[in-house]
Amino acid sequence: MLKQNLQLKLSQKLSPQQIQLMKLIQLPTLAFENRIKQEIEENPALETGKEVAEQDEYGSSDEFDQDNQVIDTSDIDIDSYLSDDEIPNYRLSSNNYANAEDDKHIPYAAGISFHQQLLQQLNTFTLEDKYWEIAEYLIGSIDETGYIRRDIDDIIDDLAFTRNLFAEKEDIQNVLELIQTFDPAGIGARNLEECLLIQLKRKEQTTEINHAITLIEEHFEQFTKKHYQKIISKLKITEDQLKEVITEIEKLNPKPGSSFGSSSKVVEQIIPDFSIRIIDGDLQLQLNNRNIPDLHVSRNYSEMLQSFKDSKSNDKKQRDTVLFIKQKLDAAKWFIDAIKQRYQTLFVTMNAIMHYQQEYFLSGDESDLRPMILRDIAEEIGMDVSTVSRVANSKYVDTPYGTKLIKTFFSESMTNESGEEISTKEIKSILGEVIKNENKKKPLTDEVLSSKLKEKGYPIARRTIAKYREQLGYPVARLRKKL
């Protein structure tokens, strides 16, 4: 049955300007610089430079009529697009930008890529065209760690379908063995076991190396599980001899492709968005605005609009021109206002975080970090939690103790036996120290670690200990065992 209902409800929608402002807040410094360059290229009414704009008084404007549509250019306040200041307001606040003298240039080393180095080694061999093409394909299949993680059957199928090259399993195996003679040792291995064996077989064959080869070939699974007594029994060696064997294995590189990293990978440089300095015992916060240009509305566009206002003409072309100019001027003015809002939001948020964690920023000791969640800062600055999250998740701050991701200053709280609220970071730090100082021959289980921390005044469940241990990068007790 059909019926009509009248329903009244309240809804909240974000305007396009608000959405774009949130995106600007989320951008880190380098991406924000690129966003400004893009806006300058797309909007001719937006210009850079310290251009002095003279403020004029404009008379009354004309109205343009067409099809009962009135476009009143008098509502366009041209004066609001102009400024007497050489520098925009958002650049005038003290402690709002870093000293230009701090600008540092980092040289980048040029070099050939990882695969190019392997191809150079291939060029020292004389191969038939068929085997040369197989070799090139196999080198291209090597990942950044130095492994070929594909089955030979899959490689044969790919060569047939993509290169119309039909190869036998033996052909692939022979070429692969050739590539595995390349430097660094271990390149082209299909798994960790093969990678270690390739490296061991290139070494001078001493007693320890021979034992190591036997261990990897015949007892690799027991070795990974650290069943040392079984290995001693099967190899018929002493515990000291096994220590020497393990020492030789530990010298090997499990990721041979990483040795190309210094010259083949792009150097990633973190550009901090904030800078915190200690001056006379007080904290000083700065925003990184070194490469942000001074923005202002184009004087030429404003003069064009003024000329149209003074003109007696009222044709369609001129009305369209007025609308276009107004659109560009509005966009330019909004973008400049959005930058001001972005700077204000970033500065207020980071300033609140800095003062909330003042003890840490003065000492650099992680145990001084207070428990802090996004809501704590949001309530203090009167903004939404999502806004604080956008600032914390993608921004870095340069401190006297290194460059830190802002979200690392946030942590939940736990209550110790004294009833004091402490940061989970402090608990992780204590847990890390306990594991670091344990007897490696008899590593502590999670249950024992829980008891140890309880003795120190931190009543934490075993499951929580396991979670923190994994976050710190420590394996279970069995895998931490050493001879």
Protein backbone atom coordinates (compact mmCIF):
# COMPACT_ATOMS: atom_id res chain seq x y z
CA MET A 1 0.00 0.00 0.00
CA LEU A 2 1.40 3.38 -1.03
CA LYS A 3 1.25 6.33 1.29
CA GLN A 4 2.96 9.67 1.74
CA ASN A 5 4.81 10.73 4.85
CA LEU A 6 6.35 14.03 5.84
CA GLN A 7 9.59 13.53 7.71
CA LEU A 8 11.75 16.25 9.25
CA LYS A 9 15.35 15.45 10.10
CA LEU A 10 18.59 17.29 10.77
CA SER A 11 21.70 16.35 8.82
CA GLN A 12 25.15 17.80 8.64
CA LYS A 13 27.07 17.94 5.39
CA LEU A 14 30.58 19.14 4.77
CA SER A 15 31.04 21.83 2.18
CA PRO A 16 33.63 21.31 -0.60
CA GLN A 17 35.80 23.94 1.09
CA GLN A 18 35.74 22.07 4.39
CA ILE A 19 36.65 18.81 2.68
CA GLN A 20 39.58 20.42 0.88
CA LEU A 21 40.71 22.09 4.11
CA MET A 22 40.82 18.71 5.85
CA LYS A 23 42.90 17.38 2.99
CA LEU A 24 45.32 20.32 3.32
CA ILE A 25 45.68 19.69 7.06
CA GLN A 26 46.48 16.03 6.43
CA LEU A 27 49.25 16.76 3.90
CA PRO A 28 52.84 16.62 5.16
CA THR A 29 55.19 19.48 4.28
CA LEU A 30 56.53 18.17 0.98
CA ALA A 31 53.10 17.18 -0.34
CA PHE A 32 51.72 20.56 0.82
CA GLU A 33 54.41 22.38 -1.18
CA ASN A 34 53.43 20.40 -4.28
CA ARG A 35 49.74 21.17 -3.64
CA ILE A 36 50.50 24.90 -3.57
CA LYS A 37 52.45 24.64 -6.84
CA GLN A 38 49.53 22.80 -8.42
CA GLU A 39 47.04 25.46 -7.27
CA ILE A 40 49.25 28.26 -8.62
CA GLU A 41 49.42 26.52 -12.00
CA GLU A 42 45.65 25.95 -12.15
CA ASN A 43 44.46 29.35 -10.87
CA PRO A 44 45.84 32.38 -12.75
CA ALA A 45 44.33 34.67 -10.11
CA LEU A 46 46.78 33.31 -7.52
CA GLU A 47 50.30 34.66 -7.61
CA THR A 48 53.46 34.45 -5.55
CA GLY A 49 55.94 37.11 -4.46
CA LYS A 50 56.02 40.06 -2.14
CA GLU A 51 54.02 42.37 -4.34
CA VAL A 52 52.60 45.52 -2.73
CA ALA A 53 48.92 45.89 -3.54
CA GLU A 54 47.53 49.40 -3.47
CA GLN A 55 44.04 49.56 -2.07
CA ASP A 56 41.62 51.60 -4.12
CA GLU A 57 38.13 52.95 -3.61
CA TYR A 58 35.67 51.75 -6.21
CA GLY A 59 32.44 53.41 -7.20
CA SER A 60 29.08 51.84 -7.70
CA SER A 61 28.81 48.92 -10.09
CA ASP A 62 26.52 48.05 -12.93
CA GLU A 63 24.11 45.19 -13.10
CA PHE A 64 24.03 42.71 -15.95
CA ASP A 65 20.67 41.30 -16.98
CA GLN A 66 19.87 38.34 -19.16
CA ASP A 67 16.83 36.07 -19.17
CA ASN A 68 15.59 37.58 -15.90
CA GLN A 69 18.94 36.61 -14.29
CA VAL A 70 20.64 39.43 -12.42
CA ILE A 71 24.38 39.23 -11.90
CA ASP A 72 25.24 42.05 -9.55
CA THR A 73 28.98 42.69 -9.58
CA SER A 74 28.61 45.09 -6.67
CA ASP A 75 28.63 42.10 -4.31
CA ILE A 76 32.21 41.42 -5.30
CA ASP A 77 34.34 43.09 -2.66
CA ILE A 78 37.56 43.52 -4.60
CA ASP A 79 39.24 45.20 -1.66
CA SER A 80 39.00 41.95 0.29
CA TYR A 81 41.19 40.26 -2.31
CA LEU A 82 43.92 42.83 -1.93
CA SER A 83 46.31 43.52 0.90
CA ASP A 84 48.60 46.36 1.90
CA ASP A 85 51.04 43.86 3.38
CA GLU A 86 54.04 42.58 1.51
CA ILE A 87 53.89 39.36 3.52
CA PRO A 88 50.66 37.40 4.19
CA ASN A 89 49.39 37.24 7.77
CA TYR A 90 50.18 33.57 8.18
CA ARG A 91 53.89 34.33 7.71
CA LEU A 92 54.05 37.05 10.36
CA SER A 93 53.46 35.04 13.53
CA SER A 94 56.56 34.64 15.65
CA ASN A 95 58.01 31.14 15.96
CA ASN A 96 55.89 30.17 12.97
CA TYR A 97 58.66 29.33 10.55
CA ALA A 98 62.19 28.03 10.71
CA ASN A 99 65.27 30.14 10.21
CA ALA A 100 66.32 30.25 6.56
CA GLU A 101 69.90 29.74 7.70
CA ASP A 102 68.92 26.22 8.82
CA ASP A 103 68.37 25.22 5.19
CA LYS A 104 70.60 22.28 4.43
CA HIS A 105 71.31 20.58 1.15
CA ILE A 106 71.79 16.84 1.16
CA PRO A 107 73.86 15.41 -1.69
CA TYR A 108 72.58 12.31 -3.43
CA ALA A 109 74.86 9.58 -4.69
CA ALA A 110 74.37 8.50 -8.28
CA GLY A 111 74.54 4.82 -9.13
CA ILE A 112 73.20 2.03 -11.29
CA SER A 113 70.31 -0.14 -10.23
CA PHE A 114 70.41 -3.56 -8.61
CA HIS A 115 69.37 -5.40 -11.79
CA GLN A 116 71.76 -3.37 -13.94
CA GLN A 117 74.66 -4.55 -11.81
CA LEU A 118 73.58 -8.16 -12.33
CA LEU A 119 73.26 -7.59 -16.09
CA GLN A 120 76.78 -6.15 -16.13
CA GLN A 121 78.03 -9.39 -14.60
CA LEU A 122 76.03 -11.35 -17.18
CA ASN A 123 77.81 -9.43 -19.96
CA THR A 124 81.10 -11.06 -18.97
CA PHE A 125 79.76 -14.45 -20.20
CA THR A 126 79.26 -15.67 -23.75
CA LEU A 127 75.91 -17.40 -24.10
CA GLU A 128 73.66 -18.53 -26.93
CA ASP A 129 70.71 -16.24 -27.64
CA LYS A 130 68.27 -18.66 -26.04
CA TYR A 131 70.19 -18.91 -22.78
CA TRP A 132 70.91 -15.18 -22.80
CA GLU A 133 67.18 -14.44 -22.94
CA ILE A 134 66.52 -16.92 -20.13
CA ALA A 135 69.24 -15.28 -18.03
CA GLU A 136 67.77 -11.81 -18.59
CA TYR A 137 64.33 -13.07 -17.59
CA LEU A 138 65.65 -14.73 -14.43
CA ILE A 139 67.55 -11.59 -13.41
CA GLY A 140 64.36 -9.60 -13.90
CA SER A 141 62.57 -12.07 -11.63
CA ILE A 142 64.96 -11.49 -8.71
CA ASP A 143 63.30 -9.42 -5.99
CA GLU A 144 64.94 -6.66 -3.95
CA THR A 145 66.11 -9.13 -1.29
CA GLY A 146 68.00 -11.17 -3.91
CA TYR A 147 65.63 -14.16 -4.19
CA ILE A 148 63.75 -15.78 -7.09
CA ARG A 149 60.48 -16.70 -5.44
CA ARG A 150 58.92 -18.54 -8.38
CA ASP A 151 58.75 -22.20 -9.36
CA ILE A 152 60.73 -23.29 -12.41
CA ASP A 153 57.53 -24.62 -14.00
CA ASP A 154 55.92 -21.16 -13.73
CA ILE A 155 59.01 -19.56 -15.28
CA ILE A 156 58.87 -22.03 -18.20
CA ASP A 157 55.21 -21.17 -18.81
CA ASP A 158 55.88 -17.43 -18.69
CA LEU A 159 58.75 -17.68 -21.15
CA ALA A 160 56.53 -19.61 -23.55
CA PHE A 161 53.55 -17.24 -23.34
CA THR A 162 55.30 -13.85 -23.08
CA ARG A 163 58.45 -14.40 -25.11
CA ASN A 164 57.55 -17.35 -27.32
CA LEU A 165 60.61 -19.10 -25.91
CA PHE A 166 60.34 -22.81 -25.19
CA ALA A 167 62.81 -24.01 -22.57
CA GLU A 168 63.34 -27.23 -20.69
CA LYS A 169 63.63 -27.52 -16.93
CA GLU A 170 67.30 -28.38 -17.33
CA ASP A 171 67.91 -25.18 -19.34
CA ILE A 172 66.42 -23.03 -16.59
CA GLN A 173 68.35 -24.87 -13.89
CA ASN A 174 71.69 -24.48 -15.71
CA VAL A 175 71.21 -20.74 -16.28
CA LEU A 176 70.05 -20.29 -12.68
CA GLU A 177 73.19 -21.98 -11.39
CA LEU A 178 75.23 -19.55 -13.49
CA ILE A 179 73.42 -16.54 -11.98
CA GLN A 180 73.99 -17.95 -8.50
CA THR A 181 77.75 -17.52 -9.11
CA PHE A 182 77.25 -13.74 -9.36
CA ASP A 183 78.14 -11.34 -6.57
CA PRO A 184 77.09 -10.91 -3.87
CA ALA A 185 77.00 -14.55 -2.85
CA GLY A 186 73.48 -15.89 -2.43
CA ILE A 187 71.90 -13.97 -5.33
CA GLY A 188 69.29 -15.99 -7.21
CA ALA A 189 68.48 -18.38 -4.36
CA ARG A 190 64.93 -19.68 -4.18
CA ASN A 191 64.75 -19.90 -0.39
CA LEU A 192 66.78 -19.11 2.72
CA GLU A 193 68.25 -22.60 2.92
CA GLU A 194 69.65 -22.40 -0.63
CA CYS A 195 70.87 -18.82 -0.03
CA LEU A 196 72.92 -19.88 3.01
CA LEU A 197 74.32 -22.95 1.24
CA ILE A 198 75.49 -20.88 -1.76
CA GLN A 199 77.40 -18.57 0.58
CA LEU A 200 78.87 -21.40 2.67
CA LYS A 201 80.12 -23.29 -0.40
CA ARG A 202 82.04 -20.20 -1.55
CA LYS A 203 83.97 -20.05 1.70
CA GLU A 204 87.19 -21.87 2.44
CA GLN A 205 86.15 -25.38 3.43
CA THR A 206 87.18 -25.63 7.09
CA THR A 207 85.80 -28.10 9.63
CA GLU A 208 83.32 -25.51 10.91
CA ILE A 209 82.15 -24.67 7.37
CA ASN A 210 81.68 -28.35 6.52
CA HIS A 211 79.63 -28.84 9.68
CA ALA A 212 77.60 -25.75 8.79
CA ILE A 213 76.87 -27.11 5.30
CA THR A 214 75.74 -30.43 6.78
CA LEU A 215 73.60 -28.65 9.35
CA ILE A 216 71.82 -26.55 6.68
CA GLU A 217 71.38 -29.45 4.25
CA GLU A 218 70.20 -32.10 6.70
CA HIS A 219 68.98 -30.38 9.89
CA PHE A 220 67.76 -26.97 8.76
CA GLU A 221 64.29 -27.30 10.34
CA GLN A 222 65.76 -28.30 13.71
CA PHE A 223 68.21 -25.41 13.42
CA THR A 224 65.41 -22.86 12.85
CA LYS A 225 63.58 -24.24 15.90
CA LYS A 226 66.84 -24.13 17.94
CA HIS A 227 66.78 -27.78 18.93
CA TYR A 228 70.49 -27.61 19.69
CA GLN A 229 70.82 -30.83 21.69
CA LYS A 230 69.38 -32.89 18.82
CA ILE A 231 71.81 -31.24 16.40
CA ILE A 232 74.78 -31.94 18.71
CA SER A 233 73.73 -35.57 18.90
CA LYS A 234 73.26 -36.03 15.14
CA LEU A 235 76.40 -34.16 14.07
CA LYS A 236 78.38 -35.76 16.88
CA ILE A 237 80.03 -32.52 17.89
CA THR A 238 80.47 -30.68 21.18
CA GLU A 239 78.51 -27.65 22.31
CA ASP A 240 81.57 -25.42 21.74
CA GLN A 241 81.90 -26.73 18.20
CA LEU A 242 78.23 -26.01 17.56
CA LYS A 243 78.78 -22.46 18.81
CA GLU A 244 81.53 -22.01 16.22
CA VAL A 245 79.27 -23.44 13.50
CA ILE A 246 76.45 -21.06 14.44
CA THR A 247 78.92 -18.16 14.48
CA GLU A 248 79.87 -18.96 10.86
CA ILE A 249 76.22 -19.10 9.84
CA GLU A 250 75.46 -15.80 11.58
CA LYS A 251 78.12 -14.13 9.41
CA LEU A 252 76.09 -14.92 6.29
CA ASN A 253 73.70 -12.47 4.66
CA PRO A 254 70.10 -13.77 4.59
CA LYS A 255 69.13 -10.96 2.16
CA PRO A 256 71.99 -10.62 -0.36
CA GLY A 257 70.03 -8.11 -2.45
CA SER A 258 70.19 -5.62 0.41
CA SER A 259 73.92 -5.15 -0.23
CA PHE A 260 72.96 -3.10 -3.30
CA GLY A 261 70.82 -0.77 -1.19
CA SER A 262 73.33 2.04 -0.71
CA SER A 263 73.67 2.75 -4.42
CA SER A 264 70.52 1.45 -6.08
CA LYS A 265 67.67 2.58 -3.86
CA VAL A 266 66.28 6.07 -3.73
CA VAL A 267 67.33 7.89 -0.60
CA GLU A 268 64.24 8.76 1.40
CA GLN A 269 64.52 11.95 3.40
CA ILE A 270 61.99 12.86 6.04
CA ILE A 271 61.19 16.56 6.06
CA PRO A 272 59.91 17.48 9.53
CA ASP A 273 56.78 19.62 9.65
CA PHE A 274 57.66 21.08 13.06
CA SER A 275 60.79 21.88 15.00
CA ILE A 276 61.11 21.95 18.79
CA ARG A 277 64.11 23.61 20.42
CA ILE A 278 65.08 24.14 24.05
CA ILE A 279 66.09 27.77 24.60
CA ASP A 280 67.00 28.89 28.11
CA GLY A 281 65.13 25.94 29.56
CA ASP A 282 61.92 26.70 27.66
CA LEU A 283 60.46 24.84 24.68
CA GLN A 284 60.12 26.73 21.40
CA LEU A 285 57.94 25.43 18.57
CA GLN A 286 58.42 26.34 14.91
CA LEU A 287 56.55 25.39 11.75
CA ASN A 288 58.55 24.41 8.71
CA ASN A 289 57.53 26.99 6.10
CA ARG A 290 60.86 27.54 4.40
CA ASN A 291 59.72 26.58 0.89
CA ILE A 292 56.17 27.93 1.11
CA PRO A 293 55.82 30.94 -1.21
CA ASP A 294 54.06 34.18 -0.29
CA LEU A 295 50.63 34.10 -1.93
CA HIS A 296 48.40 36.96 -2.94
CA VAL A 297 45.52 37.60 -5.31
CA SER A 298 46.59 38.70 -8.80
CA ARG A 299 46.52 42.47 -9.16
CA ASN A 300 45.88 42.12 -12.88
CA TYR A 301 42.71 40.08 -12.29
CA SER A 302 41.45 42.62 -9.77
CA GLU A 303 42.09 45.47 -12.21
CA MET A 304 40.31 43.53 -14.96
CA LEU A 305 37.27 43.17 -12.72
CA GLN A 306 37.38 46.87 -11.92
CA SER A 307 37.49 47.76 -15.58
CA PHE A 308 34.41 45.62 -16.23
CA LYS A 309 32.60 47.34 -13.35
CA ASP A 310 33.38 50.74 -14.89
CA SER A 311 32.36 49.61 -18.37
CA LYS A 312 28.96 50.52 -19.83
CA SER A 313 28.79 47.34 -21.91
CA ASN A 314 26.29 44.66 -20.89
CA ASP A 315 26.68 41.83 -23.40
CA LYS A 316 26.76 38.08 -22.67
CA LYS A 317 30.50 37.75 -23.31
CA GLN A 318 31.27 40.41 -20.72
CA ARG A 319 28.94 38.85 -18.16
CA ASP A 320 30.64 35.46 -18.65
CA THR A 321 34.01 37.12 -18.20
CA VAL A 322 32.90 38.73 -14.94
CA LEU A 323 31.68 35.37 -13.64
CA PHE A 324 34.94 33.68 -14.61
CA ILE A 325 37.06 36.35 -12.94
CA LYS A 326 34.92 36.26 -9.79
CA GLN A 327 35.22 32.47 -9.65
CA LYS A 328 39.01 32.60 -9.88
CA LEU A 329 39.27 35.43 -7.35
CA ASP A 330 37.03 33.54 -4.91
CA ALA A 331 39.11 30.40 -5.33
CA ALA A 332 42.36 32.31 -4.77
CA LYS A 333 41.02 34.08 -1.71
CA TRP A 334 39.66 30.84 -0.26
CA PHE A 335 42.96 29.04 -0.84
CA ILE A 336 44.91 31.73 1.00
CA ASP A 337 42.39 31.61 3.85
CA ALA A 338 42.69 27.80 3.91
CA ILE A 339 46.47 28.08 4.27
CA LYS A 340 46.01 30.43 7.22
CA GLN A 341 43.59 27.96 8.80
CA ARG A 342 45.96 25.05 8.15
CA TYR A 343 48.87 26.81 9.83
CA GLN A 344 46.71 27.81 12.76
CA THR A 345 45.38 24.26 13.22
CA LEU A 346 48.81 22.64 12.94
CA PHE A 347 50.45 25.11 15.30
CA VAL A 348 47.70 24.95 17.94
CA THR A 349 47.62 21.13 17.85
CA MET A 350 51.38 20.62 18.04
CA ASN A 351 51.72 23.31 20.69
CA ALA A 352 49.18 21.45 22.86
CA ILE A 353 51.05 18.16 22.35
CA MET A 354 54.37 19.83 23.19
CA HIS A 355 53.09 21.23 26.47
CA TYR A 356 51.25 18.01 27.34
CA GLN A 357 54.52 16.10 26.95
CA GLN A 358 56.73 18.93 28.26
CA GLU A 359 58.72 16.69 30.60
CA TYR A 360 59.66 14.35 27.77
CA PHE A 361 60.71 17.13 25.38
CA LEU A 362 62.92 18.63 28.10
CA SER A 363 64.56 15.34 29.12
CA GLY A 364 64.31 13.03 26.10
CA ASP A 365 63.58 10.12 28.45
CA GLU A 366 60.69 7.99 27.16
CA SER A 367 59.72 7.14 30.72
CA ASP A 368 58.64 10.79 31.03
CA LEU A 369 56.00 10.36 28.33
CA ARG A 370 52.56 10.84 29.83
CA PRO A 371 49.63 8.68 28.78
CA MET A 372 47.95 10.67 26.01
CA ILE A 373 45.17 9.84 23.58
CA LEU A 374 43.73 11.88 20.71
CA ARG A 375 40.74 12.95 22.79
CA ASP A 376 43.01 14.59 25.39
CA ILE A 377 44.42 17.00 22.82
CA ALA A 378 41.09 17.45 21.02
CA GLU A 379 39.40 18.58 24.24
CA GLU A 380 42.25 20.91 25.11
CA ILE A 381 42.24 22.76 21.78
CA GLY A 382 38.49 22.51 21.19
CA MET A 383 38.72 20.59 17.91
CA ASP A 384 37.46 17.27 16.64
CA VAL A 385 39.40 14.07 17.30
CA SER A 386 39.64 13.45 13.54
CA THR A 387 41.48 16.75 13.10
CA VAL A 388 44.07 15.82 15.73
CA SER A 389 44.39 12.40 14.08
CA ARG A 390 45.15 14.00 10.71
CA VAL A 391 47.92 16.06 12.27
CA ALA A 392 49.40 13.17 14.26
CA ASN A 393 49.36 10.40 11.66
CA SER A 394 51.31 12.06 8.87
CA LYS A 395 53.50 14.73 10.45
CA TYR A 396 57.02 14.64 11.87
CA VAL A 397 58.68 16.87 14.43
CA ASP A 398 62.38 17.61 14.70
CA THR A 399 63.36 17.41 18.38
CA PRO A 400 66.73 17.63 20.17
CA TYR A 401 66.54 13.81 20.37
CA GLY A 402 65.86 13.10 16.69
CA THR A 403 63.02 13.36 14.19
CA LYS A 404 59.88 11.68 15.53
CA LEU A 405 56.50 10.78 14.06
CA ILE A 406 53.98 12.71 16.13
CA LYS A 407 51.64 9.75 16.64
CA THR A 408 54.40 7.98 18.60
CA PHE A 409 53.82 10.43 21.46
CA PHE A 410 50.33 9.01 21.93
CA SER A 411 49.84 5.99 24.17
CA GLU A 412 47.22 4.47 26.40
CA SER A 413 47.50 4.43 30.17
CA MET A 414 47.70 1.69 32.75
CA THR A 415 47.54 1.87 36.53
CA ASN A 416 50.40 0.45 38.57
CA GLU A 417 50.11 -1.00 42.08
CA SER A 418 50.58 2.47 43.56
CA GLY A 419 47.49 3.70 41.74
CA GLU A 420 49.48 5.96 39.41
CA GLU A 421 48.63 6.20 35.72
CA ILE A 422 51.63 5.31 33.56
CA SER A 423 52.14 5.17 29.82
CA THR A 424 52.21 1.82 28.07
CA LYS A 425 55.45 3.04 26.45
CA GLU A 426 57.11 2.99 29.86
CA ILE A 427 55.94 -0.60 30.39
CA LYS A 428 57.28 -1.64 26.98
CA SER A 429 60.60 -0.02 27.80
CA ILE A 430 60.86 -1.97 31.08
CA LEU A 431 59.80 -5.18 29.32
CA GLY A 432 62.49 -4.64 26.69
CA GLU A 433 65.14 -4.20 29.40
CA VAL A 434 64.06 -7.42 31.15
CA ILE A 435 64.27 -9.41 27.91
CA LYS A 436 67.60 -7.83 27.01
CA ASN A 437 69.14 -8.81 30.36
CA GLU A 438 67.70 -12.35 30.53
CA ASN A 439 69.86 -15.47 30.49
CA LYS A 440 69.95 -16.34 26.79
CA LYS A 441 70.52 -20.02 27.56
CA LYS A 442 67.19 -20.05 29.41
CA PRO A 443 65.01 -17.24 28.00
CA LEU A 444 62.04 -16.14 30.06
CA THR A 445 58.59 -17.28 28.96
CA ASP A 446 55.70 -14.80 28.76
CA GLU A 447 54.36 -16.18 32.04
CA VAL A 448 57.68 -15.52 33.80
CA LEU A 449 57.95 -12.08 32.18
CA SER A 450 54.50 -11.28 33.55
CA SER A 451 55.67 -12.26 37.05
CA LYS A 452 58.85 -10.17 36.68
CA LEU A 453 56.89 -7.05 35.78
CA LYS A 454 54.43 -7.70 38.60
CA GLU A 455 57.39 -7.71 41.01
CA LYS A 456 58.30 -4.27 39.63
CA GLY A 457 54.80 -2.98 40.35
CA TYR A 458 53.18 -3.51 36.96
CA PRO A 459 50.38 -6.11 37.15
CA ILE A 460 50.08 -7.16 33.50
CA ALA A 461 48.44 -10.29 32.12
CA ARG A 462 50.42 -12.82 30.11
CA ARG A 463 48.44 -12.09 26.92
CA THR A 464 49.29 -8.41 27.24
CA ILE A 465 52.96 -9.31 27.73
CA ALA A 466 52.83 -11.37 24.52
CA LYS A 467 51.30 -8.43 22.62
CA TYR A 468 53.90 -5.94 23.86
CA ARG A 469 56.74 -8.42 23.19
CA GLU A 470 55.62 -8.82 19.58
CA GLN A 471 55.34 -5.04 19.17
CA LEU A 472 58.92 -4.72 20.43
CA GLY A 473 60.07 -7.29 17.87
CA TYR A 474 61.09 -10.10 20.24
CA PRO A 475 60.19 -13.72 19.33
CA VAL A 476 58.94 -16.33 21.80
CA ALA A 477 61.34 -17.65 24.45
CA ARG A 478 62.34 -20.75 22.45
CA LEU A 479 63.52 -18.66 19.51
CA ARG A 480 65.51 -16.30 21.76
CA LYS A 481 67.60 -19.19 23.05
CA LYS A 482 71.37 -19.09 22.52
CA LEU A 483 74.16 -21.47 23.42
